[in-house]
Amino acid sequence: MAKTSPGEFVRQVRAETSKVVWPTRQETLVTAVMVFIMMTILALFFLGVDTFFNWIVQSLLSLAA
């Protein structure tokens, strides 16, 4: 594989970066809101699962005492 000079590398990076389709401000905002909503739903779900399993373990331990 041939070595690429630093100048050529920078030119290639600029050429590839110019091909990127960057999201609009609206797309970024909508995506961020959706991530926040999903994070909240999953946090509440796992809180419920954790609480349920904690109740089961506490019930089983109280039987042994």
Protein backbone atom coordinates (compact mmCIF):
# COMPACT_ATOMS: atom_id res chain seq x y z
CA MET A 1 0.00 0.00 0.00
CA ALA A 2 1.42 3.37 -1.01
CA LYS A 3 1.96 6.02 1.62
CA THR A 4 -0.16 9.15 1.35
CA SER A 5 1.37 12.52 2.09
CA PRO A 6 -0.21 14.57 4.87
CA GLY A 7 -1.38 17.19 2.35
CA GLU A 8 -3.06 14.56 0.17
CA PHE A 9 -4.66 13.01 3.25
CA VAL A 10 -6.15 16.37 4.26
CA ARG A 11 -7.49 16.89 0.72
CA GLN A 12 -9.09 13.44 0.78
CA VAL A 13 -10.67 14.09 4.18
CA ARG A 14 -12.10 17.41 2.96
CA ALA A 15 -13.46 15.74 -0.19
CA GLU A 16 -15.16 12.98 1.83
CA THR A 17 -16.50 15.42 4.43
CA SER A 18 -18.09 17.52 1.69
CA LYS A 19 -20.13 14.42 0.67
CA VAL A 20 -21.71 14.10 4.12
CA VAL A 21 -25.39 15.07 4.32
CA TRP A 22 -25.67 16.80 7.67
CA PRO A 23 -29.04 16.74 9.49
CA THR A 24 -31.03 19.92 9.73
CA ARG A 25 -31.67 21.65 13.05
CA GLN A 26 -35.27 20.34 12.95
CA GLU A 27 -34.14 16.72 12.35
CA THR A 28 -31.63 16.98 15.20
CA LEU A 29 -34.26 18.40 17.56
CA VAL A 30 -36.84 15.71 16.69
CA THR A 31 -34.26 12.95 17.13
CA ALA A 32 -33.13 14.36 20.50
CA VAL A 33 -36.74 14.56 21.74
CA MET A 34 -37.43 10.98 20.61
CA VAL A 35 -34.30 9.75 22.40
CA PHE A 36 -35.37 11.54 25.58
CA ILE A 37 -38.88 10.04 25.39
CA MET A 38 -37.56 6.50 24.81
CA MET A 39 -35.01 6.93 27.62
CA THR A 40 -37.79 7.99 30.01
CA ILE A 41 -40.06 5.09 29.01
CA LEU A 42 -37.24 2.56 29.41
CA ALA A 43 -36.19 4.05 32.76
CA LEU A 44 -39.75 3.73 34.07
CA PHE A 45 -40.01 0.18 32.70
CA PHE A 46 -36.80 -0.95 34.38
CA LEU A 47 -37.81 0.82 37.60
CA GLY A 48 -41.00 -1.25 37.56
CA VAL A 49 -39.17 -4.51 36.82
CA ASP A 50 -36.60 -3.80 39.52
CA THR A 51 -39.30 -2.94 42.06
CA PHE A 52 -41.20 -6.13 41.19
CA PHE A 53 -38.14 -8.36 41.59
CA ASN A 54 -37.20 -6.58 44.81
CA TRP A 55 -40.69 -7.35 46.15
CA ILE A 56 -40.32 -11.03 45.16
CA VAL A 57 -36.91 -11.33 46.83
CA GLN A 58 -38.10 -9.57 49.98
CA SER A 59 -41.15 -11.87 50.14
CA LEU A 60 -38.99 -14.96 49.79
CA LEU A 61 -36.53 -13.73 52.40
CA SER A 62 -39.33 -12.99 54.85
CA LEU A 63 -40.48 -16.61 54.53
CA ALA A 64 -37.03 -17.82 55.58
CA ALA A 65 -36.88 -15.59 58.65
